[in-house]
Structure formats: structure tokens, C-alpha cells
């Protein structure tokens, strides 16, 4: 007895549904990642990354909302992207010097 292998080409209909399933799975993965990120953000709202407590308060400084940890002994300041630039805006080259100084530590 000869073992014959039959190769069947997928039909256009099979390819259509396979692609449709792939797109649906991709969409579900994106949605799940978004839900996970939102859940993480919600769980860690007002969470200080330095001391680990839920003790951040939002303080308005020159129209910029800055998060500060009010936990005794911590006092960490949390800046969102772009907030440092806004705070130092108009400070002739200060931001560039600070950024270069901090960057040099990690080289």
C-alpha cells in the first residue's frame, strides 16, 4: 500500500474567512491590551513610584498639573511627558543643561 498525500488548495472562501478571523483576533488583542492598560492605570492612580503608597496629590503650578507625593519622608515629584519643558520654558537653556546632565549619568 502506497501512502499518498493529497494536497488540497484552500478555496477563496476559506482564505476570505481565514483573513476575517485573523483581523478579528488582531482587533480583540488590541482591545484586550487597551483594557489591561486602562485597568493598570486605574489601579495605580495616585500611586507614588518612589515609595509605593497611594499618596499623590495634584498641584497646579503655573497652569501645569504636577503630581507630588505627600507621604512623610518621600515628597517625590512626578512629571508627565512635556511638563519639565513647560516649567522651565523661558529659562534660557536651563532645560537643555538639566537634560544633558541627567542623560550623562546613564551613559
N, C-alpha and C. Protein backbone atom coordinates (compact mmCIF):
# COMPACT_ATOMS: atom_id res chain seq x y z
N UNK A 1 0.83 -1.16 0.00
CA UNK A 1 0.00 0.00 0.00
C UNK A 1 0.89 1.25 0.00
N UNK A 2 0.62 2.15 -0.88
CA UNK A 2 1.41 3.36 -1.03
C UNK A 2 0.71 4.48 -0.26
N UNK A 3 1.50 5.15 0.54
CA UNK A 3 0.97 6.26 1.32
C UNK A 3 0.97 7.51 0.45
N UNK A 4 -0.18 7.89 -0.02
CA UNK A 4 -0.30 9.05 -0.88
C UNK A 4 -0.78 10.25 -0.07
N UNK A 5 -0.20 11.33 -0.39
CA UNK A 5 -0.57 12.56 0.29
C UNK A 5 -1.33 13.44 -0.68
N UNK A 6 -2.50 13.86 -0.24
CA UNK A 6 -3.32 14.68 -1.10
C UNK A 6 -3.21 16.12 -0.61
N UNK A 7 -2.83 16.98 -1.51
CA UNK A 7 -2.71 18.39 -1.18
C UNK A 7 -3.92 19.11 -1.72
N UNK A 8 -4.62 19.76 -0.81
CA UNK A 8 -5.83 20.48 -1.20
C UNK A 8 -5.55 21.97 -1.05
N UNK A 9 -5.74 22.69 -2.11
CA UNK A 9 -5.57 24.13 -2.07
C UNK A 9 -6.79 24.75 -1.40
N UNK A 10 -6.54 25.72 -0.52
CA UNK A 10 -7.70 26.37 0.10
C UNK A 10 -8.47 27.20 -0.93
N UNK A 11 -9.76 27.16 -0.80
CA UNK A 11 -10.59 27.91 -1.74
C UNK A 11 -10.54 29.39 -1.37
N UNK A 12 -11.03 30.21 -2.27
CA UNK A 12 -11.08 31.65 -2.00
C UNK A 12 -11.96 31.94 -0.79
N UNK A 13 -13.01 31.14 -0.64
CA UNK A 13 -13.91 31.31 0.50
C UNK A 13 -13.17 31.01 1.81
N UNK A 14 -12.37 29.92 1.82
CA UNK A 14 -11.58 29.58 3.00
C UNK A 14 -10.59 30.69 3.34
N UNK A 15 -9.93 31.22 2.31
CA UNK A 15 -8.97 32.30 2.52
C UNK A 15 -9.67 33.56 3.05
N UNK A 16 -10.85 33.85 2.54
CA UNK A 16 -11.61 35.01 2.99
C UNK A 16 -11.92 34.90 4.48
N UNK A 17 -12.44 33.74 4.91
CA UNK A 17 -12.81 33.57 6.32
C UNK A 17 -11.58 33.49 7.22
N UNK A 18 -10.50 32.93 6.70
CA UNK A 18 -9.26 32.88 7.48
C UNK A 18 -8.75 34.30 7.74
N UNK A 19 -8.78 35.15 6.72
CA UNK A 19 -8.34 36.54 6.86
C UNK A 19 -9.29 37.30 7.79
N UNK A 20 -10.58 37.05 7.66
CA UNK A 20 -11.57 37.70 8.52
C UNK A 20 -11.32 37.30 9.99
N UNK A 21 -11.04 36.04 10.24
CA UNK A 21 -10.74 35.57 11.60
C UNK A 21 -9.45 36.21 12.12
N UNK A 22 -8.45 36.32 11.26
CA UNK A 22 -7.17 36.92 11.67
C UNK A 22 -7.38 38.37 12.09
N UNK A 23 -8.15 39.12 11.30
CA UNK A 23 -8.42 40.52 11.62
C UNK A 23 -9.22 40.65 12.92
N UNK A 24 -10.18 39.74 13.13
CA UNK A 24 -10.97 39.76 14.36
C UNK A 24 -10.09 39.48 15.58
N UNK A 25 -9.20 38.51 15.47
CA UNK A 25 -8.29 38.17 16.57
C UNK A 25 -7.37 39.35 16.86
N UNK A 26 -6.86 39.99 15.82
CA UNK A 26 -6.00 41.16 16.00
C UNK A 26 -6.75 42.28 16.71
N UNK A 27 -7.99 42.51 16.30
CA UNK A 27 -8.82 43.54 16.92
C UNK A 27 -9.08 43.23 18.40
N UNK A 28 -9.35 41.96 18.70
CA UNK A 28 -9.58 41.54 20.09
C UNK A 28 -8.32 41.71 20.94
N UNK A 29 -7.16 41.42 20.36
CA UNK A 29 -5.90 41.60 21.09
C UNK A 29 -5.65 43.08 21.42
N UNK A 30 -5.91 43.96 20.45
CA UNK A 30 -5.74 45.39 20.67
C UNK A 30 -6.69 45.86 21.77
N UNK A 31 -7.94 45.41 21.71
CA UNK A 31 -8.93 45.80 22.71
C UNK A 31 -8.54 45.28 24.09
N UNK A 32 -8.04 44.03 24.16
CA UNK A 32 -7.62 43.46 25.44
C UNK A 32 -6.43 44.22 26.01
N UNK A 33 -5.49 44.61 25.15
CA UNK A 33 -4.33 45.38 25.61
C UNK A 33 -4.78 46.74 26.13
N UNK A 34 -5.74 47.36 25.46
CA UNK A 34 -6.25 48.66 25.89
C UNK A 34 -6.94 48.53 27.26
N UNK A 35 -7.74 47.49 27.42
CA UNK A 35 -8.43 47.26 28.70
C UNK A 35 -7.43 47.00 29.81
N UNK A 36 -6.38 46.24 29.52
CA UNK A 36 -5.35 45.96 30.51
C UNK A 36 -4.64 47.23 30.93
N UNK A 37 -4.31 48.07 29.95
CA UNK A 37 -3.64 49.34 30.25
C UNK A 37 -4.53 50.26 31.08
N UNK A 38 -5.81 50.34 30.72
CA UNK A 38 -6.75 51.17 31.48
C UNK A 38 -6.92 50.65 32.90
N UNK A 39 -6.98 49.33 33.04
CA UNK A 39 -7.12 48.72 34.36
C UNK A 39 -5.89 49.00 35.21
N UNK A 40 -4.71 48.89 34.61
CA UNK A 40 -3.45 49.16 35.33
C UNK A 40 -3.40 50.63 35.75
N UNK A 41 -3.75 51.52 34.83
CA UNK A 41 -3.74 52.96 35.14
C UNK A 41 -4.71 53.28 36.26
N UNK A 42 -5.88 52.68 36.22
CA UNK A 42 -6.88 52.92 37.24
C UNK A 42 -6.42 52.40 38.60
N UNK A 43 -5.81 51.22 38.61
CA UNK A 43 -5.34 50.62 39.86
C UNK A 43 -4.17 51.39 40.46
N UNK A 44 -3.39 52.07 39.62
CA UNK A 44 -2.21 52.78 40.09
C UNK A 44 -2.37 54.30 40.11
N UNK A 45 -3.61 54.76 39.98
CA UNK A 45 -3.87 56.20 40.05
C UNK A 45 -3.49 56.69 41.45
N UNK A 46 -2.82 57.80 41.50
CA UNK A 46 -2.34 58.38 42.76
C UNK A 46 -1.34 57.47 43.47
N UNK A 47 -0.62 56.67 42.73
CA UNK A 47 0.35 55.73 43.27
C UNK A 47 1.75 56.28 43.05
N UNK A 48 2.48 56.49 44.13
CA UNK A 48 3.84 57.02 44.04
C UNK A 48 4.80 55.92 43.59
N UNK A 49 5.57 56.20 42.57
CA UNK A 49 6.51 55.20 42.06
C UNK A 49 7.76 55.11 42.90
N UNK A 50 7.97 56.07 43.76
CA UNK A 50 9.16 56.07 44.61
C UNK A 50 8.94 55.27 45.89
N UNK A 51 7.86 55.62 46.64
CA UNK A 51 7.64 54.97 47.94
C UNK A 51 6.57 53.88 47.89
N UNK A 52 5.82 53.82 46.80
CA UNK A 52 4.84 52.75 46.63
C UNK A 52 3.49 52.97 47.28
N UNK A 53 3.25 54.13 47.86
CA UNK A 53 1.97 54.38 48.52
C UNK A 53 1.02 55.12 47.59
N UNK A 54 -0.25 55.10 47.95
CA UNK A 54 -1.27 55.84 47.18
C UNK A 54 -1.41 57.22 47.82
N UNK A 55 -0.42 58.05 47.60
CA UNK A 55 -0.40 59.34 48.29
C UNK A 55 -0.06 60.51 47.38
N UNK A 56 -0.34 60.39 46.10
CA UNK A 56 -0.06 61.51 45.19
C UNK A 56 -1.21 62.50 45.20
N UNK A 57 -0.86 63.76 45.21
CA UNK A 57 -1.85 64.82 45.05
C UNK A 57 -1.42 65.67 43.86
N UNK A 58 -2.40 66.27 43.22
CA UNK A 58 -2.13 67.09 42.05
C UNK A 58 -2.07 68.55 42.48
N UNK A 59 -0.98 69.22 42.14
CA UNK A 59 -0.77 70.61 42.48
C UNK A 59 -0.64 71.40 41.18
N UNK A 60 -1.31 72.55 41.12
CA UNK A 60 -1.23 73.39 39.93
C UNK A 60 -0.10 74.39 40.11
N UNK A 61 0.85 74.38 39.18
CA UNK A 61 1.99 75.30 39.20
C UNK A 61 2.11 75.95 37.84
N UNK A 62 1.83 77.24 37.77
CA UNK A 62 1.90 77.99 36.52
C UNK A 62 1.05 77.35 35.42
N UNK A 63 -0.12 76.84 35.81
CA UNK A 63 -1.02 76.22 34.83
C UNK A 63 -0.66 74.79 34.47
N UNK A 64 0.29 74.21 35.17
CA UNK A 64 0.73 72.83 34.90
C UNK A 64 0.36 71.98 36.12
N UNK A 65 -0.30 70.84 35.88
CA UNK A 65 -0.66 69.94 36.97
C UNK A 65 0.51 69.02 37.27
N UNK A 66 1.06 69.15 38.48
CA UNK A 66 2.21 68.36 38.90
C UNK A 66 1.76 67.42 40.01
N UNK A 67 2.16 66.16 39.95
CA UNK A 67 1.83 65.19 40.98
C UNK A 67 2.95 65.16 42.02
N UNK A 68 2.58 65.33 43.28
CA UNK A 68 3.56 65.34 44.37
C UNK A 68 3.11 64.32 45.41
N UNK A 69 4.05 63.52 45.91
CA UNK A 69 3.76 62.55 46.95
C UNK A 69 3.75 63.27 48.30
N UNK A 70 2.66 63.11 49.03
CA UNK A 70 2.54 63.76 50.34
C UNK A 70 2.89 62.80 51.48
N UNK A 71 3.37 61.62 51.12
CA UNK A 71 3.79 60.66 52.14
C UNK A 71 5.00 61.23 52.89
N UNK A 72 4.93 61.21 54.21
CA UNK A 72 6.01 61.76 55.03
C UNK A 72 7.32 61.03 54.70
N UNK A 73 8.35 61.79 54.45
CA UNK A 73 9.65 61.20 54.14
C UNK A 73 9.87 60.91 52.67
N UNK A 74 8.87 61.14 51.82
CA UNK A 74 9.05 60.87 50.39
C UNK A 74 9.14 62.18 49.63
N UNK A 75 8.00 62.79 49.34
CA UNK A 75 7.99 64.07 48.65
C UNK A 75 8.37 64.02 47.18
N UNK A 76 8.28 62.83 46.58
CA UNK A 76 8.63 62.69 45.16
C UNK A 76 7.74 63.56 44.28
N UNK A 77 8.32 64.08 43.23
CA UNK A 77 7.59 64.89 42.26
C UNK A 77 7.50 64.07 40.97
N UNK A 78 6.29 63.89 40.48
CA UNK A 78 6.07 63.10 39.26
C UNK A 78 5.63 64.04 38.15
N UNK A 79 6.39 64.05 37.07
CA UNK A 79 6.07 64.90 35.92
C UNK A 79 5.65 64.05 34.74
N UNK A 80 4.58 64.46 34.10
CA UNK A 80 4.14 63.80 32.88
C UNK A 80 5.02 64.28 31.73
N UNK A 81 5.03 63.54 30.60
CA UNK A 81 5.85 63.97 29.47
C UNK A 81 5.55 65.41 29.07
N UNK A 82 6.60 66.19 28.91
CA UNK A 82 6.48 67.57 28.46
C UNK A 82 6.31 68.59 29.58
N UNK A 83 6.04 68.13 30.81
CA UNK A 83 5.83 69.08 31.90
C UNK A 83 7.12 69.77 32.33
N UNK A 84 8.23 69.08 32.29
CA UNK A 84 9.51 69.70 32.65
C UNK A 84 9.82 70.85 31.69
N UNK A 85 9.59 70.62 30.40
CA UNK A 85 9.83 71.66 29.41
C UNK A 85 8.95 72.88 29.67
N UNK A 86 7.67 72.63 30.03
CA UNK A 86 6.75 73.74 30.30
C UNK A 86 7.18 74.53 31.53
N UNK A 87 7.63 73.83 32.57
CA UNK A 87 8.06 74.50 33.80
C UNK A 87 9.28 75.37 33.54
N UNK A 88 10.23 74.84 32.77
CA UNK A 88 11.47 75.56 32.51
C UNK A 88 11.43 76.44 31.27
N UNK A 89 10.25 76.53 30.65
CA UNK A 89 10.10 77.35 29.45
C UNK A 89 10.49 78.79 29.77
N UNK A 90 11.36 79.35 28.97
CA UNK A 90 11.80 80.72 29.18
C UNK A 90 13.03 80.84 30.06
N UNK A 91 13.50 79.74 30.60
CA UNK A 91 14.70 79.74 31.45
C UNK A 91 15.92 79.50 30.56
N UNK A 92 16.37 80.45 29.85
CA UNK A 92 17.49 80.42 28.91
C UNK A 92 18.41 79.20 29.02
N UNK A 93 18.08 78.15 28.32
CA UNK A 93 18.95 76.98 28.23
C UNK A 93 19.01 76.10 29.46
N UNK A 94 18.25 76.42 30.50
CA UNK A 94 18.30 75.63 31.73
C UNK A 94 17.87 74.20 31.47
N UNK A 95 16.75 74.04 30.74
CA UNK A 95 16.25 72.70 30.49
C UNK A 95 17.27 71.85 29.74
N UNK A 96 17.90 72.44 28.74
CA UNK A 96 18.89 71.70 27.95
C UNK A 96 20.05 71.26 28.85
N UNK A 97 20.50 72.13 29.73
CA UNK A 97 21.60 71.78 30.65
C UNK A 97 21.18 70.69 31.62
N UNK A 98 19.97 70.79 32.17
CA UNK A 98 19.48 69.77 33.09
C UNK A 98 19.34 68.44 32.37
N UNK A 99 18.76 68.47 31.18
CA UNK A 99 18.57 67.25 30.40
C UNK A 99 19.91 66.59 30.08
N UNK A 100 20.89 67.37 29.66
CA UNK A 100 22.22 66.84 29.36
C UNK A 100 22.88 66.27 30.60
N UNK A 101 22.72 66.94 31.74
CA UNK A 101 23.31 66.45 32.99
C UNK A 101 22.72 65.11 33.40
N UNK A 102 21.40 65.02 33.32
CA UNK A 102 20.74 63.77 33.68
C UNK A 102 21.10 62.67 32.70
N UNK A 103 21.11 62.98 31.42
CA UNK A 103 21.45 62.00 30.39
C UNK A 103 22.87 61.46 30.57
N UNK A 104 23.79 62.32 31.00
CA UNK A 104 25.19 61.90 31.14
C UNK A 104 25.35 60.84 32.24
N UNK A 105 24.44 60.81 33.19
CA UNK A 105 24.51 59.82 34.27
C UNK A 105 24.32 58.41 33.72
N UNK A 106 23.48 58.29 32.68
CA UNK A 106 23.11 56.97 32.16
C UNK A 106 23.99 56.53 30.98
N UNK A 107 25.02 57.28 30.67
CA UNK A 107 25.89 56.89 29.55
C UNK A 107 26.94 55.93 30.00
